[in-house]
Each structure stands twice: as structure tokens, then as C-alpha cells.
Amino acid sequence: MERKDIIFCKMLTYQSNILGSFESPVIVNEHNLKYALRTEQPNVMKHIKNWIILTKQNRMVVFTTKYGDSWAIMNTNRVSLNGERHIDWVYVNSKPSEWLQGNNPVWITTYCQTDSH
């Protein structure tokens, strides 16, 4: 198992908040998610980008489609000399989420490591 996969599994044990389901204007995949974060469109992506990048905590956002495809963006790796972080992406496929309604819904969940862990 790769280091980022181990970190992903550990992050799933931390405090989570559900942002909800959003109708995606495009097919959800890593390329389109990266583009949406870079351009901050739709507007929710601006808030996600700011939340995940501007932090000293380990944070992760998971985007899940009704087909069971999930992409996690993680801000967890620290460069010890200068404190900078870089972003990792993890893809996971699971059982389809039949409860998600709409043509192209994406379920967004955030995870944050608090000091209590």
C-alpha cells in the first residue's frame, strides 16, 4: 500500500462534515476536479480550495459520484524545513450510491485532523 493510501485511510477516521450533494455540470473525474479547483468554478470549489490549502492541519475533501467513484484531495504532507505542504490525490471505487439523486450528482465530504488525535 502506498503512503498516500495509508494516509487516506487514516484521514477517514477523523472528524468529518458533509457539505452535501451538488449537481455537477461536467463528468466528475480528477482532471475536471483539478480544473474546477484551479478556476474556482463552480463557486463551491473556491471555498473548498481555500479550506484545504490555507491550513496547518491535515485536511481532506472527498468527492463521490453515484457510480461509486471517489476522488480525495489531501493536504497532509509537510516539508519539515519550511512547513510547506503539497496536495495528494487518491482515487477509490466502491459500491454505487443509489441514494444519490440527479443526473450527475457529486457528494462532498470534508475531513480534518484535530489536535485531539
N, C-alpha and C. Protein backbone atom coordinates (compact mmCIF):
# COMPACT_ATOMS: atom_id res chain seq x y z
N MET A 1 0.85 -1.17 0.00
CA MET A 1 0.00 0.00 0.00
C MET A 1 0.90 1.24 0.00
N GLU A 2 0.59 2.20 -0.87
CA GLU A 2 1.35 3.44 -0.94
C GLU A 2 1.09 4.31 0.28
N ARG A 3 2.04 5.18 0.58
CA ARG A 3 1.92 6.06 1.75
C ARG A 3 0.64 6.90 1.68
N LYS A 4 0.33 7.44 0.51
CA LYS A 4 -0.87 8.27 0.41
C LYS A 4 -2.14 7.47 0.65
N ASP A 5 -2.14 6.18 0.32
CA ASP A 5 -3.30 5.32 0.59
C ASP A 5 -3.47 5.09 2.09
N ILE A 6 -2.36 4.94 2.78
CA ILE A 6 -2.38 4.77 4.24
C ILE A 6 -2.91 6.04 4.89
N ILE A 7 -2.43 7.19 4.44
CA ILE A 7 -2.88 8.48 4.97
C ILE A 7 -4.37 8.66 4.70
N PHE A 8 -4.82 8.30 3.49
CA PHE A 8 -6.24 8.39 3.15
C PHE A 8 -7.08 7.59 4.15
N CYS A 9 -6.71 6.35 4.42
CA CYS A 9 -7.47 5.52 5.36
C CYS A 9 -7.46 6.12 6.75
N LYS A 10 -6.34 6.67 7.18
CA LYS A 10 -6.25 7.31 8.50
C LYS A 10 -7.15 8.55 8.55
N MET A 11 -7.15 9.35 7.48
CA MET A 11 -7.97 10.57 7.45
C MET A 11 -9.46 10.25 7.57
N LEU A 12 -9.89 9.10 7.09
CA LEU A 12 -11.30 8.71 7.18
C LEU A 12 -11.75 8.53 8.62
N THR A 13 -10.82 8.39 9.56
CA THR A 13 -11.18 8.21 10.97
C THR A 13 -11.34 9.53 11.70
N TYR A 14 -10.98 10.63 11.07
CA TYR A 14 -11.04 11.95 11.71
C TYR A 14 -12.41 12.59 11.55
N GLN A 15 -12.57 13.72 12.20
CA GLN A 15 -13.84 14.46 12.16
C GLN A 15 -14.24 14.75 10.71
N SER A 16 -15.50 14.44 10.39
CA SER A 16 -15.98 14.70 9.03
C SER A 16 -17.19 15.62 9.07
N ASN A 17 -17.35 16.34 7.99
CA ASN A 17 -18.51 17.21 7.78
C ASN A 17 -19.01 16.99 6.37
N ILE A 18 -20.30 16.81 6.25
CA ILE A 18 -20.90 16.61 4.94
C ILE A 18 -21.33 17.96 4.39
N LEU A 19 -20.78 18.29 3.22
CA LEU A 19 -21.21 19.52 2.55
C LEU A 19 -22.50 19.29 1.79
N GLY A 20 -22.72 18.06 1.36
CA GLY A 20 -23.95 17.72 0.68
C GLY A 20 -23.74 17.26 -0.74
N SER A 21 -24.84 17.17 -1.45
CA SER A 21 -24.84 16.72 -2.83
C SER A 21 -25.03 17.92 -3.75
N PHE A 22 -24.22 17.97 -4.79
CA PHE A 22 -24.28 19.06 -5.76
C PHE A 22 -24.39 18.45 -7.15
N GLU A 23 -25.17 19.07 -8.00
CA GLU A 23 -25.29 18.62 -9.38
C GLU A 23 -24.08 19.15 -10.15
N SER A 24 -23.29 18.25 -10.68
CA SER A 24 -22.08 18.64 -11.41
C SER A 24 -22.43 18.98 -12.86
N PRO A 25 -21.88 20.09 -13.37
CA PRO A 25 -22.15 20.45 -14.77
C PRO A 25 -21.32 19.63 -15.76
N VAL A 26 -20.34 18.87 -15.25
CA VAL A 26 -19.47 18.05 -16.11
C VAL A 26 -19.30 16.67 -15.46
N ILE A 27 -18.74 15.74 -16.22
CA ILE A 27 -18.42 14.43 -15.67
C ILE A 27 -17.37 14.62 -14.58
N VAL A 28 -17.58 13.99 -13.44
CA VAL A 28 -16.65 14.14 -12.32
C VAL A 28 -15.50 13.15 -12.51
N ASN A 29 -14.30 13.71 -12.63
CA ASN A 29 -13.07 12.92 -12.67
C ASN A 29 -11.94 13.81 -12.13
N GLU A 30 -10.77 13.25 -11.95
CA GLU A 30 -9.67 14.01 -11.35
C GLU A 30 -9.30 15.23 -12.19
N HIS A 31 -9.25 15.07 -13.48
CA HIS A 31 -8.90 16.19 -14.36
C HIS A 31 -9.88 17.35 -14.19
N ASN A 32 -11.19 17.04 -14.22
CA ASN A 32 -12.19 18.10 -14.08
C ASN A 32 -12.22 18.70 -12.68
N LEU A 33 -11.96 17.89 -11.67
CA LEU A 33 -11.89 18.42 -10.30
C LEU A 33 -10.71 19.37 -10.14
N LYS A 34 -9.56 19.00 -10.69
CA LYS A 34 -8.39 19.88 -10.63
C LYS A 34 -8.66 21.19 -11.36
N TYR A 35 -9.30 21.10 -12.50
CA TYR A 35 -9.64 22.30 -13.27
C TYR A 35 -10.60 23.19 -12.48
N ALA A 36 -11.61 22.58 -11.88
CA ALA A 36 -12.60 23.34 -11.10
C ALA A 36 -11.95 24.02 -9.89
N LEU A 37 -11.02 23.34 -9.25
CA LEU A 37 -10.32 23.96 -8.12
C LEU A 37 -9.44 25.11 -8.58
N ARG A 38 -8.75 24.90 -9.69
CA ARG A 38 -7.85 25.94 -10.22
C ARG A 38 -8.63 27.18 -10.64
N THR A 39 -9.78 26.99 -11.29
CA THR A 39 -10.57 28.13 -11.77
C THR A 39 -11.59 28.61 -10.75
N GLU A 40 -11.74 27.84 -9.67
CA GLU A 40 -12.68 28.16 -8.59
C GLU A 40 -14.13 28.23 -9.09
N GLN A 41 -14.47 27.36 -10.04
CA GLN A 41 -15.82 27.29 -10.58
C GLN A 41 -16.29 25.85 -10.61
N PRO A 42 -17.46 25.53 -10.16
CA PRO A 42 -18.46 26.42 -9.57
C PRO A 42 -17.98 27.00 -8.24
N ASN A 43 -18.74 27.92 -7.71
CA ASN A 43 -18.34 28.71 -6.55
C ASN A 43 -17.94 27.85 -5.35
N VAL A 44 -18.59 26.70 -5.16
CA VAL A 44 -18.26 25.84 -4.02
C VAL A 44 -16.79 25.42 -4.07
N MET A 45 -16.22 25.32 -5.25
CA MET A 45 -14.82 24.90 -5.40
C MET A 45 -13.87 25.96 -4.85
N LYS A 46 -14.24 27.22 -4.93
CA LYS A 46 -13.42 28.29 -4.35
C LYS A 46 -13.31 28.09 -2.84
N HIS A 47 -14.43 27.79 -2.20
CA HIS A 47 -14.44 27.59 -0.75
C HIS A 47 -13.66 26.33 -0.36
N ILE A 48 -13.80 25.29 -1.14
CA ILE A 48 -13.06 24.05 -0.87
C ILE A 48 -11.56 24.28 -1.03
N LYS A 49 -11.18 24.96 -2.09
CA LYS A 49 -9.77 25.25 -2.33
C LYS A 49 -9.18 26.05 -1.17
N ASN A 50 -9.86 27.09 -0.75
CA ASN A 50 -9.38 27.91 0.36
C ASN A 50 -9.31 27.10 1.66
N TRP A 51 -10.30 26.25 1.89
CA TRP A 51 -10.33 25.47 3.12
C TRP A 51 -9.19 24.47 3.17
N ILE A 52 -8.90 23.83 2.05
CA ILE A 52 -7.91 22.76 2.09
C ILE A 52 -6.47 23.28 2.02
N ILE A 53 -6.25 24.39 1.35
CA ILE A 53 -4.89 24.89 1.17
C ILE A 53 -4.41 25.74 2.33
N LEU A 54 -5.25 26.59 2.87
CA LEU A 54 -4.82 27.53 3.91
C LEU A 54 -4.98 26.92 5.29
N THR A 55 -4.09 26.03 5.64
CA THR A 55 -4.21 25.35 6.93
C THR A 55 -2.89 24.81 7.42
N LYS A 56 -2.81 24.62 8.71
CA LYS A 56 -1.68 23.92 9.32
C LYS A 56 -2.12 22.55 9.81
N GLN A 57 -3.40 22.22 9.58
CA GLN A 57 -3.95 20.92 9.95
C GLN A 57 -3.95 20.00 8.74
N ASN A 58 -3.98 18.69 9.02
CA ASN A 58 -4.20 17.72 7.95
C ASN A 58 -5.66 17.77 7.57
N ARG A 59 -5.93 17.94 6.29
CA ARG A 59 -7.31 18.03 5.80
C ARG A 59 -7.48 17.23 4.52
N MET A 60 -8.72 16.82 4.28
CA MET A 60 -9.03 16.04 3.08
C MET A 60 -10.47 16.35 2.66
N VAL A 61 -10.71 16.39 1.37
CA VAL A 61 -12.05 16.53 0.80
C VAL A 61 -12.26 15.35 -0.14
N VAL A 62 -13.41 14.69 0.00
CA VAL A 62 -13.73 13.54 -0.85
C VAL A 62 -14.95 13.88 -1.70
N PHE A 63 -14.80 13.68 -3.00
CA PHE A 63 -15.87 13.87 -3.98
C PHE A 63 -16.31 12.49 -4.44
N THR A 64 -17.59 12.16 -4.25
CA THR A 64 -18.10 10.83 -4.59
C THR A 64 -19.27 10.95 -5.55
N THR A 65 -19.26 10.13 -6.60
CA THR A 65 -20.36 10.10 -7.56
C THR A 65 -21.32 8.98 -7.21
N LYS A 66 -22.49 8.99 -7.84
CA LYS A 66 -23.47 7.94 -7.58
C LYS A 66 -23.02 6.59 -8.14
N TYR A 67 -21.98 6.58 -8.96
CA TYR A 67 -21.47 5.34 -9.54
C TYR A 67 -20.40 4.70 -8.65
N GLY A 68 -20.11 5.32 -7.50
CA GLY A 68 -19.14 4.76 -6.57
C GLY A 68 -17.71 5.23 -6.78
N ASP A 69 -17.51 6.15 -7.71
CA ASP A 69 -16.17 6.71 -7.92
C ASP A 69 -15.93 7.84 -6.92
N SER A 70 -14.79 7.80 -6.25
CA SER A 70 -14.44 8.85 -5.29
C SER A 70 -13.03 9.34 -5.54
N TRP A 71 -12.87 10.63 -5.43
CA TRP A 71 -11.55 11.26 -5.51
C TRP A 71 -11.34 12.05 -4.24
N ALA A 72 -10.20 11.82 -3.61
CA ALA A 72 -9.87 12.54 -2.38
C ALA A 72 -8.71 13.46 -2.68
N ILE A 73 -8.83 14.69 -2.24
CA ILE A 73 -7.74 15.64 -2.31
C ILE A 73 -7.27 15.83 -0.87
N MET A 74 -5.98 15.60 -0.65
CA MET A 74 -5.45 15.62 0.70
C MET A 74 -4.33 16.64 0.84
N ASN A 75 -4.40 17.41 1.89
CA ASN A 75 -3.36 18.36 2.25
C ASN A 75 -2.76 17.84 3.55
N THR A 76 -1.86 16.85 3.44
CA THR A 76 -1.37 16.18 4.63
C THR A 76 0.15 16.11 4.73
N ASN A 77 0.84 16.22 3.63
CA ASN A 77 2.30 16.07 3.66
C ASN A 77 2.98 17.39 3.95
N ARG A 78 3.83 17.39 4.96
CA ARG A 78 4.57 18.58 5.34
C ARG A 78 6.02 18.44 4.91
N VAL A 79 6.58 19.53 4.42
CA VAL A 79 8.01 19.60 4.18
C VAL A 79 8.59 20.18 5.47
N SER A 80 9.34 19.40 6.19
CA SER A 80 9.72 19.77 7.55
C SER A 80 10.56 21.04 7.65
N LEU A 81 11.35 21.36 6.67
CA LEU A 81 12.23 22.52 6.77
C LEU A 81 11.49 23.85 6.69
N ASN A 82 10.49 23.93 5.83
CA ASN A 82 9.81 25.22 5.66
C ASN A 82 8.32 25.16 5.98
N GLY A 83 7.79 24.01 6.36
CA GLY A 83 6.39 23.91 6.73
C GLY A 83 5.41 23.88 5.57
N GLU A 84 5.92 23.97 4.33
CA GLU A 84 5.03 23.92 3.16
C GLU A 84 4.37 22.56 3.06
N ARG A 85 3.25 22.55 2.39
CA ARG A 85 2.51 21.31 2.15
C ARG A 85 2.29 21.14 0.66
N HIS A 86 2.06 19.91 0.26
CA HIS A 86 1.65 19.69 -1.12
C HIS A 86 0.44 18.78 -1.13
N ILE A 87 -0.27 18.81 -2.21
CA ILE A 87 -1.55 18.13 -2.35
C ILE A 87 -1.35 16.75 -2.97
N ASP A 88 -2.02 15.75 -2.38
CA ASP A 88 -2.06 14.40 -2.94
C ASP A 88 -3.49 14.08 -3.36
N TRP A 89 -3.62 13.25 -4.39
CA TRP A 89 -4.93 12.79 -4.85
C TRP A 89 -4.99 11.28 -4.73
N VAL A 90 -6.13 10.77 -4.31
CA VAL A 90 -6.36 9.34 -4.21
C VAL A 90 -7.70 9.03 -4.88
N TYR A 91 -7.71 7.96 -5.68
CA TYR A 91 -8.95 7.50 -6.31
C TYR A 91 -9.38 6.20 -5.65
N VAL A 92 -10.68 6.08 -5.37
CA VAL A 92 -11.25 4.87 -4.77
C VAL A 92 -12.54 4.55 -5.50
N ASN A 93 -12.78 3.28 -5.75
CA ASN A 93 -14.06 2.86 -6.32
C ASN A 93 -14.75 1.95 -5.33
N SER A 94 -16.03 2.21 -5.08
CA SER A 94 -16.80 1.42 -4.13
C SER A 94 -18.17 1.12 -4.73
N LYS A 95 -19.04 0.58 -3.91
CA LYS A 95 -20.40 0.25 -4.34
C LYS A 95 -21.12 1.53 -4.77
N PRO A 96 -21.88 1.50 -5.87
CA PRO A 96 -22.63 2.68 -6.30
C PRO A 96 -23.57 3.20 -5.21
N SER A 97 -23.71 4.50 -5.16
CA SER A 97 -24.58 5.16 -4.18
C SER A 97 -25.92 5.45 -4.83
N GLU A 98 -26.81 4.48 -4.78
CA GLU A 98 -28.11 4.60 -5.44
C GLU A 98 -28.98 5.69 -4.82
N TRP A 99 -28.68 6.09 -3.60
CA TRP A 99 -29.47 7.11 -2.91
C TRP A 99 -29.17 8.51 -3.43
N LEU A 100 -28.04 8.69 -4.15
CA LEU A 100 -27.75 10.00 -4.74
C LEU A 100 -28.67 10.22 -5.92
N GLN A 101 -29.38 11.32 -5.92
CA GLN A 101 -30.37 11.61 -6.96
C GLN A 101 -29.84 12.69 -7.91
N GLY A 102 -30.29 12.64 -9.15
CA GLY A 102 -29.92 13.63 -10.14
C GLY A 102 -29.20 13.00 -11.31
N ASN A 103 -28.93 13.81 -12.31
CA ASN A 103 -28.24 13.32 -13.50
C ASN A 103 -26.76 13.08 -13.25
N ASN A 104 -26.12 13.98 -12.53
CA ASN A 104 -24.67 13.90 -12.32
C ASN A 104 -24.31 14.44 -10.93
N PRO A 105 -24.86 13.83 -9.88
CA PRO A 105 -24.60 14.36 -8.54
C PRO A 105 -23.21 14.00 -8.04
N VAL A 106 -22.67 14.87 -7.21
CA VAL A 106 -21.41 14.59 -6.53
C VAL A 106 -21.62 14.91 -5.05
N TRP A 107 -21.26 13.97 -4.20
CA TRP A 107 -21.38 14.09 -2.74
C TRP A 107 -20.04 14.55 -2.22
N ILE A 108 -20.02 15.62 -1.43
CA ILE A 108 -18.76 16.18 -0.94
C ILE A 108 -18.70 16.07 0.58
N THR A 109 -17.61 15.47 1.06
CA THR A 109 -17.38 15.31 2.50
C THR A 109 -15.99 15.82 2.83
N THR A 110 -15.87 16.56 3.94
CA THR A 110 -14.57 17.06 4.38
C THR A 110 -14.13 16.29 5.63
N TYR A 111 -12.83 16.17 5.79
CA TYR A 111 -12.23 15.53 6.97
C TYR A 111 -11.11 16.40 7.48
N CYS A 112 -11.00 16.49 8.81
CA CYS A 112 -9.99 17.35 9.40
C CYS A 112 -9.40 16.67 10.62
N GLN A 113 -8.08 16.61 10.70
CA GLN A 113 -7.42 16.07 11.88
C GLN A 113 -7.34 17.17 12.93
N THR A 114 -8.00 16.95 14.03
CA THR A 114 -7.96 17.91 15.13
C THR A 114 -6.79 17.58 16.04
N ASP A 115 -6.48 18.48 16.94
CA ASP A 115 -5.36 18.28 17.85
C ASP A 115 -5.59 17.13 18.82
N SER A 116 -6.83 16.69 18.98
CA SER A 116 -7.13 15.63 19.93
C SER A 116 -6.69 14.25 19.44
N HIS A 117 -6.35 14.12 18.14
CA HIS A 117 -5.91 12.82 17.62
C HIS A 117 -4.43 12.65 17.75
